[in-house]
Each structure stands twice: as C-alpha cells, then as structure tokens.
Amino acid sequence: MKKTLRPLGLYIHIPFCAQKCIYCDFYSLPDAAARMDDYCAALCAHLDETAETAKNHLVDTIYFGGGTPTLLGAARLVRILRCIEKKYTVAKDAEITFEANPESARDFRALRTLRRAGFNRISLGMQSGDDAMLKTLGRIHSAEDTKEAVAAARKAKLKNVSVDLIYGLPSQTMEMWLADLRAAIDLAPEHISCYGLKVEEGTPLHRDAAQYTLPDDDAQADFYLAACELLAKNGYKQYEISNFAKEGLLSRHNYKYWTLGEYAGFGPGAHSDFGGVRYAYVRDLAAYIDGVTRGTDIIAEREVIDSRDRDTEYLMLGLRTAEGISPAEFERRYRYRFAPLTPLLERYAKEGFAVFENGRWHLTPRGFLVSNQIIGALLQAHGDEKARRAEAAAHGDFRIV
C-alpha cells in the first residue's frame, strides 16, 4: 500500500537587503553581503540535517522571502533549491516563490535562469507607484523599475506575478491611493497584496513619527474598502484580509499559514509550525551560521501544541480568510460546541460584518476592518464555554451539553 505523504511548505529566509526601509521590522541586514556564501553553506547544511524529519511529507510550496532574495544572485538561489530537491520529496506542481525588490529584478536573463531551475512565482515589493512616496519610505526603486521588473518577468516566461502595495502612507490621499492601485492593475499581475502601514517599534518610522502626517483610522478604512471594490471590479478575488488574486492563483504557501497547514522555516528569524511544534530561530545571522556549523542550539522559542488545542487558532486564522470557518468542521475537529458563537455571528451578520453561506461563516470587507474586535469577542465566548465545560467536568458531569 502506497504511503500518503502530508503536505508541507518550506520557507527560506534570505536576510540580505540593499537598504532598510523606514517601516521595516523584518530581520534583514543591509551591510552583510560578505556573509552570503557562508550563509548559503549553512542554509544547505541545515536543510540537509532537517530532511529526515520531513520524510513523510510532500513539499508542495517553497517560499524564498526576505530581505531581498534576488540579492543573492540566481546561482546561489538555484543552489539552495537544488539542495531542497535533493533531500526532500517535492511535488511536481509545487509553487516555488521568490521575493524581489523591483530594482533587483530587471534582468530577464537572471529571472529566466530561476524559472528554468523551477521557480515559478515572483513577488515584487512595489509598495507605491509614486516616486516621491517611494523615496520617503526609503525605497531605492522607482515606479519605472517596477514596470521593467514585471516586463522582465514576462519575458522570462514567469506566469505568476504578485505585487505588494502599502496604504495609509505619510500624507497619502484617496486620490494617491487609487492611483497606486490603478498602477498595479495596469501591470496585470496575477496577485495583489494590500497592507495597511503599521508603525512598528524600533523602526525609523516609529522613531521619527512626529515628522510624518499619517492617515487616521477612518482614512485607512476608506482606503481598504476602496481597494476591495476596485480590485473586485478588475477581476481580483479577495481570499484573505490583505490578499487578492485572479481565479485559482492565490498564494498557496501563504494560505497554509491561515488554514493551519504545516510549514518549516529556515534562516535567522524564520518561524515554523511543523510536527505539532511551533518554533523560531534566532534573529542573528552570525549566530545562525555558527550554530548550524557547530551543531549548537539556534532555537529562540519553542511551543508544543496538540492538534486538539488549536481551536482558538482555527477561529482566529480562519476568519482572516474569505472562506471563513465551518461550525461542523470546528465541532468535529475540536469537540466543542459551536452554538455559543452563533448569536454573536448572527448579530454581526445583521450589522453587515459577517455572512453565513454554504455552511460556513465568513466576514465581509467591512467585517475584515473590525476583525480584531469580532475575533476577540468570539474567542471570549468560546473561552467562557470551555470554562463552563471544565467546571462541569470538575463536578463529575461529563455530558456534552
């Protein structure tokens, strides 16, 4: 009898970048190019030693994120991919994505090399179509660079192109945001991500916040709803709070995160949810390389989670998606009643924040705007139900009521 392999996504963190943006809190380094070869060697060694734990899995998505993966150059990226293919069982139709900043992805020959090696999806950090805004954000590419990068990707016969945009930028108006959206749509990508700007501690944007005029919450909400409407009119279906795609072209890798799929990360700061354990590696390039080379501990955090204890994650992550959550699936997986949540969801439905269809509850675009509050209320109701059940069990009443 043929063994069934479980699906697995691999995330490969490439921590090198040309310049830090003012809003970026990802682990990335602008002055570490001298460590690229050492890092690639450590990464391949780490992938090699971890492969045994994935022998019962089929790798169906691989995502090279950053940083700016293309700064490594095509040869190093191909080398890493070959290490994966040698040691892991990779699906023939695996989605293999690499992120790139536009200025680093204008050479169609390099992109063609990657495509021929097996990479089949590119995610470009467009962020804005306005050169002045890009400069404000600390980006080193121009709007023209983005156009050239998309043209190079098409010439290299990459058929799956994604672009990222940010809204709520300093002094941004609705007119400016709509112009960014139209600029992205004009590029005809298969996928568009729209993220609201967050002022994260430790970033230059946080440090110098007084210098910037940022749109308030109401303006951000208007930007978001405008994006949902315009993208839908142009054939981009929303499948998650921040993500829109042409039919059948959602990011399969990222969708694992929201649907409790397994994924294993590699590299400094990379996170994993694999084998019932959630863990992350140290956010330190030198410590990561040294740890892999010497065989010392590089785990920064670790938590063992039983599959039955993922009930809150199911609610929290599922409601980020357009598919939403299934009462029947919830009860089957976690053995908790869904009924205590129904009155809340029915109230949100009356307010235009939620919809029940095809046996599932999902949020509307307006509901996504207040998803934190909605999810918080549902988790509270679910927590009360769990406490009630625990108290009943403590008194010897083991009936499921």
Protein backbone atom coordinates (compact mmCIF):
# COMPACT_ATOMS: atom_id res chain seq x y z
CA MET A 1 0.00 0.00 0.00
CA LYS A 2 1.42 3.34 -1.05
CA LYS A 3 2.17 5.71 1.81
CA THR A 4 0.27 9.01 1.82
CA LEU A 5 2.59 11.97 2.29
CA ARG A 6 1.40 15.00 4.24
CA PRO A 7 1.73 18.42 2.55
CA LEU A 8 4.49 20.71 3.80
CA GLY A 9 5.57 24.23 2.93
CA LEU A 10 9.19 25.36 3.23
CA TYR A 11 10.07 28.98 4.00
CA ILE A 12 13.64 30.07 3.24
CA HIS A 13 14.60 33.37 4.82
CA ILE A 14 17.17 35.45 2.92
CA PRO A 15 18.16 38.23 5.34
CA PHE A 16 20.15 40.43 2.95
CA CYS A 17 18.88 43.76 1.66
CA ALA A 18 20.35 46.80 -0.09
CA GLN A 19 18.78 49.34 2.28
CA LYS A 20 16.36 49.21 5.19
CA CYS A 21 13.02 50.93 4.63
CA ILE A 22 11.76 53.28 7.32
CA TYR A 23 8.86 50.97 8.25
CA CYS A 24 10.62 47.59 8.11
CA ASP A 25 10.87 45.46 11.25
CA PHE A 26 11.71 42.19 9.47
CA TYR A 27 15.09 40.67 10.20
CA SER A 28 17.19 41.97 7.31
CA LEU A 29 20.72 43.33 7.01
CA PRO A 30 21.91 45.98 4.50
CA ASP A 31 25.65 45.52 5.07
CA ALA A 32 26.23 41.79 5.21
CA ALA A 33 26.97 40.76 1.61
CA ALA A 34 30.34 39.33 2.67
CA ARG A 35 28.49 36.56 4.55
CA MET A 36 26.37 35.39 1.61
CA ASP A 37 28.46 32.34 0.73
CA ASP A 38 28.82 31.33 4.39
CA TYR A 39 25.08 31.71 4.81
CA CYS A 40 24.22 29.63 1.76
CA ALA A 41 26.51 26.85 3.01
CA ALA A 42 24.89 26.94 6.47
CA LEU A 43 21.41 27.03 4.97
CA CYS A 44 22.06 23.97 2.81
CA ALA A 45 23.59 22.15 5.78
CA HIS A 46 20.54 22.98 7.89
CA LEU A 47 18.16 21.83 5.16
CA ASP A 48 20.16 18.61 4.86
CA GLU A 49 20.11 17.77 8.57
CA THR A 50 16.39 18.55 8.89
CA ALA A 51 15.30 16.50 5.86
CA GLU A 52 14.91 13.27 7.83
CA THR A 53 12.10 14.82 9.89
CA ALA A 54 10.19 15.54 6.65
CA LYS A 55 10.49 12.07 5.10
CA ASN A 56 6.73 11.55 5.44
CA HIS A 57 5.87 14.88 3.85
CA LEU A 58 5.41 16.16 0.32
CA VAL A 59 6.78 19.68 -0.15
CA ASP A 60 4.14 21.42 -2.25
CA THR A 61 5.20 25.04 -1.66
CA ILE A 62 8.59 26.71 -1.24
CA TYR A 63 8.87 30.40 -0.45
CA PHE A 64 12.09 32.43 -0.54
CA GLY A 65 11.40 35.58 1.48
CA GLY A 66 13.49 38.37 2.90
CA GLY A 67 15.16 40.70 2.92
CA THR A 68 15.69 40.62 -0.81
CA PRO A 69 16.34 37.06 -2.05
CA THR A 70 17.42 38.22 -5.51
CA LEU A 71 20.43 39.98 -3.96
CA LEU A 72 21.94 36.51 -3.53
CA GLY A 73 22.07 36.15 -7.30
CA ALA A 74 20.49 33.42 -9.39
CA ALA A 75 23.33 30.91 -8.94
CA ARG A 76 23.05 30.85 -5.13
CA LEU A 77 19.24 30.68 -5.21
CA VAL A 78 19.38 27.75 -7.63
CA ARG A 79 21.95 26.04 -5.41
CA ILE A 80 19.60 26.27 -2.41
CA LEU A 81 16.68 24.98 -4.45
CA ARG A 82 18.76 22.04 -5.64
CA CYS A 83 19.63 21.22 -2.01
CA ILE A 84 15.90 21.04 -1.26
CA GLU A 85 15.12 18.91 -4.30
CA LYS A 86 17.93 16.51 -3.43
CA LYS A 87 16.83 15.85 0.15
CA TYR A 88 13.06 16.44 0.17
CA THR A 89 10.17 14.98 -1.81
CA VAL A 90 8.99 17.96 -3.85
CA ALA A 91 5.67 17.89 -5.69
CA LYS A 92 5.85 18.18 -9.47
CA ASP A 93 3.42 21.10 -9.35
CA ALA A 94 4.97 22.77 -6.30
CA GLU A 95 4.53 26.53 -6.04
CA ILE A 96 8.05 27.98 -5.75
CA THR A 97 8.10 31.71 -4.98
CA PHE A 98 10.90 34.22 -4.65
CA GLU A 99 10.53 37.77 -3.39
CA ALA A 100 12.32 40.62 -5.11
CA ASN A 101 12.59 44.36 -4.97
CA PRO A 102 11.94 45.82 -8.43
CA GLU A 103 15.42 47.28 -8.89
CA SER A 104 16.92 43.81 -8.31
CA ALA A 105 14.67 42.00 -10.79
CA ARG A 106 15.08 43.83 -14.10
CA ASP A 107 17.47 41.34 -15.73
CA PHE A 108 15.28 38.89 -17.61
CA ARG A 109 18.23 36.52 -18.09
CA ALA A 110 18.61 36.07 -14.33
CA LEU A 111 14.85 35.60 -13.98
CA ARG A 112 14.90 33.12 -16.85
CA THR A 113 17.63 31.15 -15.06
CA LEU A 114 15.43 30.98 -11.98
CA ARG A 115 12.37 29.98 -13.99
CA ARG A 116 14.26 27.23 -15.79
CA ALA A 117 15.54 25.96 -12.43
CA GLY A 118 11.98 25.57 -11.15
CA PHE A 119 10.98 28.89 -9.64
CA ASN A 120 7.51 29.71 -10.95
CA ARG A 121 6.24 32.69 -8.94
CA ILE A 122 7.73 36.13 -8.24
CA SER A 123 6.53 38.54 -5.55
CA LEU A 124 7.58 42.14 -6.17
CA GLY A 125 7.71 44.80 -3.45
CA MET A 126 6.09 47.58 -5.47
CA GLN A 127 4.65 49.35 -2.37
CA SER A 128 3.70 52.51 -4.31
CA GLY A 129 3.62 53.83 -7.84
CA ASP A 130 4.70 57.31 -6.76
CA ASP A 131 8.42 58.08 -6.90
CA ALA A 132 8.28 60.78 -4.22
CA MET A 133 6.50 58.43 -1.84
CA LEU A 134 8.96 55.63 -2.54
CA LYS A 135 11.80 57.98 -1.63
CA THR A 136 10.02 58.97 1.59
CA LEU A 137 9.71 55.30 2.54
CA GLY A 138 13.42 54.69 1.99
CA ARG A 139 12.81 52.52 -1.07
CA ILE A 140 15.60 52.56 -3.66
CA HIS A 141 13.48 51.61 -6.66
CA SER A 142 11.31 53.80 -8.88
CA ALA A 143 7.91 53.27 -10.45
CA GLU A 144 9.69 52.66 -13.75
CA ASP A 145 11.81 49.93 -12.10
CA THR A 146 8.60 48.10 -11.17
CA LYS A 147 7.35 48.26 -14.76
CA GLU A 148 10.70 46.98 -16.02
CA ALA A 149 10.74 44.16 -13.46
CA VAL A 150 7.28 42.96 -14.50
CA ALA A 151 8.28 43.18 -18.17
CA ALA A 152 11.45 41.17 -17.42
CA ALA A 153 9.41 38.54 -15.55
CA ARG A 154 7.07 38.17 -18.51
CA LYS A 155 9.99 37.97 -20.95
CA ALA A 156 11.48 35.27 -18.73
CA LYS A 157 8.11 33.45 -19.04
CA LEU A 158 7.22 33.68 -15.36
CA LYS A 159 3.46 33.26 -15.47
CA ASN A 160 2.64 34.05 -11.85
CA VAL A 161 3.49 37.58 -10.75
CA SER A 162 2.44 39.17 -7.46
CA VAL A 163 2.90 42.78 -6.35
CA ASP A 164 2.67 44.29 -2.86
CA LEU A 165 1.17 47.69 -2.08
CA ILE A 166 1.01 49.66 1.18
CA TYR A 167 -1.78 52.09 2.08
CA GLY A 168 -2.01 54.64 4.87
CA LEU A 169 1.35 56.13 3.87
CA PRO A 170 2.58 59.56 5.04
CA SER A 171 0.31 62.34 3.72
CA GLN A 172 -1.43 59.86 1.40
CA THR A 173 -4.80 60.92 -0.01
CA MET A 174 -7.53 58.76 -1.52
CA GLU A 175 -6.55 60.03 -4.97
CA MET A 176 -2.96 58.94 -4.39
CA TRP A 177 -4.03 55.50 -3.19
CA LEU A 178 -6.35 54.94 -6.13
CA ALA A 179 -3.50 55.93 -8.44
CA ASP A 180 -1.29 53.30 -6.80
CA LEU A 181 -3.98 50.67 -7.21
CA ARG A 182 -4.50 51.53 -10.87
CA ALA A 183 -0.75 51.46 -11.47
CA ALA A 184 -0.64 47.96 -10.01
CA ILE A 185 -3.67 46.78 -12.00
CA ASP A 186 -2.13 48.17 -15.21
CA LEU A 187 0.80 45.78 -14.69
CA ALA A 188 -1.69 42.88 -14.96
CA PRO A 189 -0.21 40.76 -12.16
CA GLU A 190 -1.95 37.55 -11.12
CA HIS A 191 -1.92 38.54 -7.45
CA ILE A 192 -2.02 41.80 -5.46
CA SER A 193 -1.43 42.22 -1.72
CA CYS A 194 -2.53 45.40 0.06
CA TYR A 195 -1.17 46.04 3.54
CA GLY A 196 -2.01 48.89 5.89
CA LEU A 197 1.08 50.72 7.13
CA LYS A 198 1.99 49.81 10.71
CA VAL A 199 4.31 51.90 12.83
CA GLU A 200 6.46 49.24 14.48
CA GLU A 201 8.69 49.92 17.46
CA GLY A 202 12.38 50.08 16.66
CA THR A 203 11.90 51.35 13.12
CA PRO A 204 12.94 54.79 11.83
CA LEU A 205 9.25 55.48 11.17
CA HIS A 206 8.47 54.94 14.84
CA ARG A 207 11.47 56.96 15.98
CA ASP A 208 10.66 59.91 13.71
CA ALA A 209 6.85 59.60 13.77
CA ALA A 210 6.42 63.29 14.60
CA GLN A 211 7.88 64.19 11.21
CA TYR A 212 5.10 62.41 9.32
CA THR A 213 1.41 63.05 8.85
CA LEU A 214 -0.21 59.62 8.79
CA PRO A 215 -3.82 58.99 7.74
CA ASP A 216 -6.11 58.24 10.68
CA ASP A 217 -8.09 55.03 11.21
CA ASP A 218 -11.11 56.30 9.28
CA ALA A 219 -8.96 57.19 6.29
CA GLN A 220 -7.23 53.79 6.43
CA ALA A 221 -10.66 52.12 6.46
CA ASP A 222 -11.72 54.12 3.42
CA PHE A 223 -8.51 53.14 1.60
CA TYR A 224 -9.12 49.48 2.39
CA LEU A 225 -12.72 49.42 1.21
CA ALA A 226 -11.76 51.31 -1.95
CA ALA A 227 -9.12 48.65 -2.68
CA CYS A 228 -11.62 45.82 -2.17
CA GLU A 229 -14.08 47.46 -4.56
CA LEU A 230 -11.62 48.43 -7.30
CA LEU A 231 -9.78 45.12 -7.28
CA ALA A 232 -13.03 43.14 -7.44
CA LYS A 233 -14.11 45.18 -10.46
CA ASN A 234 -10.86 44.24 -12.15
CA GLY A 235 -11.09 40.51 -11.58
CA TYR A 236 -9.11 40.15 -8.35
CA LYS A 237 -10.97 37.99 -5.87
CA GLN A 238 -10.31 38.65 -2.20
CA TYR A 239 -9.33 35.43 -0.43
CA GLU A 240 -7.78 36.84 2.76
CA ILE A 241 -7.87 40.17 4.57
CA SER A 242 -4.94 41.63 2.63
CA ASN A 243 -4.76 39.42 -0.44
CA PHE A 244 -6.46 39.39 -3.83
CA ALA A 245 -5.88 37.10 -6.80
CA LYS A 246 -7.09 36.14 -10.22
CA GLU A 247 -9.18 32.96 -10.18
CA GLY A 248 -7.19 29.98 -8.93
CA LEU A 249 -3.99 31.95 -8.31
CA LEU A 250 -3.95 32.62 -4.59
CA SER A 251 -0.62 32.26 -2.79
CA ARG A 252 -0.68 28.57 -1.91
CA HIS A 253 2.21 28.96 0.51
CA ASN A 254 0.76 31.85 2.49
CA TYR A 255 -2.61 30.14 2.56
CA LYS A 256 -1.03 27.40 4.68
CA TYR A 257 -0.49 29.93 7.46
CA TRP A 258 -4.19 30.79 7.62
CA THR A 259 -5.50 27.24 7.33
CA LEU A 260 -3.23 25.55 9.89
CA GLY A 261 -1.09 23.82 7.29
CA GLU A 262 2.39 22.64 8.23
CA TYR A 263 5.42 24.71 7.27
CA ALA A 264 9.10 24.60 8.17
CA GLY A 265 11.20 27.74 8.12
CA PHE A 266 14.96 28.05 7.70
CA GLY A 267 17.21 31.02 8.39
CA PRO A 268 17.60 33.61 11.16
CA GLY A 269 14.23 34.74 12.49
CA ALA A 270 12.33 32.11 10.48
CA HIS A 271 9.24 30.58 12.10
CA SER A 272 7.84 27.06 11.75
CA ASP A 273 4.72 25.11 12.63
CA PHE A 274 5.82 21.57 12.00
CA GLY A 275 5.25 18.22 13.66
CA GLY A 276 3.00 19.69 16.34
CA VAL A 277 5.66 22.19 17.41
CA ARG A 278 5.77 25.92 16.79
CA TYR A 279 9.32 27.27 16.90
CA ALA A 280 11.56 30.09 15.66
CA TYR A 281 15.27 30.54 15.09
CA VAL A 282 17.50 33.28 16.48
CA ARG A 283 17.31 36.66 14.75
CA ASP A 284 21.08 36.83 14.32
CA LEU A 285 22.88 35.94 11.10
CA ALA A 286 26.25 35.20 12.70
CA ALA A 287 24.69 33.14 15.49
CA TYR A 288 22.63 31.16 12.98
CA ILE A 289 25.64 30.37 10.76
CA ASP A 290 27.79 29.50 13.78
CA GLY A 291 25.05 27.38 15.36
CA VAL A 292 24.45 25.32 12.22
CA THR A 293 28.19 24.90 11.63
CA ARG A 294 28.98 23.85 15.21
CA GLY A 295 25.77 21.99 15.88
CA THR A 296 24.73 24.23 18.77
CA ASP A 297 21.22 25.36 19.64
CA ILE A 298 19.72 28.04 17.37
CA ILE A 299 16.12 27.81 18.62
CA ALA A 300 14.90 31.10 20.08
CA GLU A 301 11.40 29.94 21.03
CA ARG A 302 9.53 26.65 21.07
CA GLU A 303 5.99 25.53 21.94
CA VAL A 304 4.44 22.08 21.64
CA ILE A 305 0.77 22.25 20.59
CA ASP A 306 -1.60 19.29 20.45
CA SER A 307 -3.89 19.30 17.42
CA ARG A 308 -6.92 19.35 19.74
CA ASP A 309 -5.65 22.60 21.27
CA ARG A 310 -5.77 24.58 18.04
CA ASP A 311 -9.41 25.56 18.42
CA THR A 312 -8.68 29.23 19.02
CA GLU A 313 -6.23 29.30 16.09
CA TYR A 314 -8.88 27.80 13.83
CA LEU A 315 -11.28 30.63 14.72
CA MET A 316 -8.69 33.38 14.65
CA LEU A 317 -6.95 32.44 11.40
CA GLY A 318 -9.99 31.10 9.58
CA LEU A 319 -11.83 34.39 9.98
CA ARG A 320 -8.97 36.12 8.18
CA THR A 321 -9.95 34.24 5.04
CA ALA A 322 -12.85 34.72 2.65
CA GLU A 323 -13.64 31.02 3.07
CA GLY A 324 -14.19 31.53 6.78
CA ILE A 325 -14.99 28.84 9.33
CA SER A 326 -17.30 25.81 9.36
CA PRO A 327 -19.35 25.05 12.51
CA ALA A 328 -19.43 21.37 11.56
CA GLU A 329 -15.68 21.20 10.98
CA PHE A 330 -15.00 23.06 14.24
CA GLU A 331 -17.10 20.62 16.27
CA ARG A 332 -15.63 17.57 14.52
CA ARG A 333 -12.02 18.67 14.98
CA TYR A 334 -12.11 20.11 18.48
CA ARG A 335 -15.15 18.53 20.18
CA TYR A 336 -16.52 21.88 21.33
CA ARG A 337 -19.98 23.20 20.61
CA PHE A 338 -20.20 26.00 18.06
CA ALA A 339 -23.64 27.08 19.28
CA PRO A 340 -22.33 29.62 21.87
CA LEU A 341 -20.72 31.57 18.98
CA THR A 342 -23.77 31.62 16.73
CA PRO A 343 -25.69 34.50 18.41
CA LEU A 344 -22.64 36.76 18.10
CA LEU A 345 -22.16 35.92 14.44
CA GLU A 346 -25.85 36.42 13.72
CA ARG A 347 -25.62 39.87 15.28
CA TYR A 348 -22.57 40.69 13.16
CA ALA A 349 -24.48 39.47 10.10
CA LYS A 350 -27.29 41.93 10.82
CA GLU A 351 -24.67 44.70 11.05
CA GLY A 352 -23.18 43.74 7.69
CA PHE A 353 -19.95 42.36 9.12
CA ALA A 354 -20.49 38.63 8.56
CA VAL A 355 -22.28 36.21 6.23
CA PHE A 356 -23.35 32.58 6.59
CA GLU A 357 -23.38 30.70 3.30
CA ASN A 358 -22.62 27.19 2.10
CA GLY A 359 -22.39 26.02 5.69
CA ARG A 360 -19.63 28.50 6.65
CA TRP A 361 -19.34 31.84 8.41
CA HIS A 362 -17.07 34.44 6.86
CA LEU A 363 -16.51 38.15 7.32
CA THR A 364 -17.36 40.81 4.75
CA PRO A 365 -14.84 43.50 3.72
CA ARG A 366 -16.42 45.75 6.37
CA GLY A 367 -16.10 42.90 8.83
CA PHE A 368 -12.42 42.48 7.98
CA LEU A 369 -11.92 46.10 9.02
CA VAL A 370 -13.04 45.28 12.57
CA SER A 371 -11.88 41.67 12.57
CA ASN A 372 -9.77 42.10 15.69
CA GLN A 373 -12.84 43.11 17.71
CA ILE A 374 -15.02 40.38 16.19
CA ILE A 375 -12.44 37.66 16.72
CA GLY A 376 -11.79 38.89 20.25
CA ALA A 377 -15.50 38.64 21.12
CA LEU A 378 -15.77 35.15 19.63
CA LEU A 379 -12.69 33.95 21.49
CA GLN A 380 -14.15 35.33 24.71
CA ALA A 381 -17.42 33.46 24.12
CA HIS A 382 -15.53 30.29 23.29
CA GLY A 383 -13.34 30.71 26.36
CA ASP A 384 -16.44 31.03 28.55
CA GLU A 385 -17.79 27.80 27.04
CA LYS A 386 -14.52 25.98 27.74
CA ALA A 387 -14.51 27.24 31.33
CA ARG A 388 -18.10 26.10 31.80
CA ARG A 389 -17.25 22.64 30.48
CA ALA A 390 -14.17 22.39 32.68
CA GLU A 391 -16.21 23.32 35.74
CA ALA A 392 -18.88 20.75 34.88
CA ALA A 393 -16.21 18.06 34.44
CA ALA A 394 -14.69 19.00 37.80
CA HIS A 395 -18.06 18.26 39.39
CA GLY A 396 -18.31 14.89 37.67
CA ASP A 397 -20.66 15.96 34.88
CA PHE A 398 -19.03 14.70 31.69
CA ARG A 399 -22.03 15.16 29.44
CA ILE A 400 -21.52 17.27 26.31
CA VAL A 401 -24.21 19.91 26.72
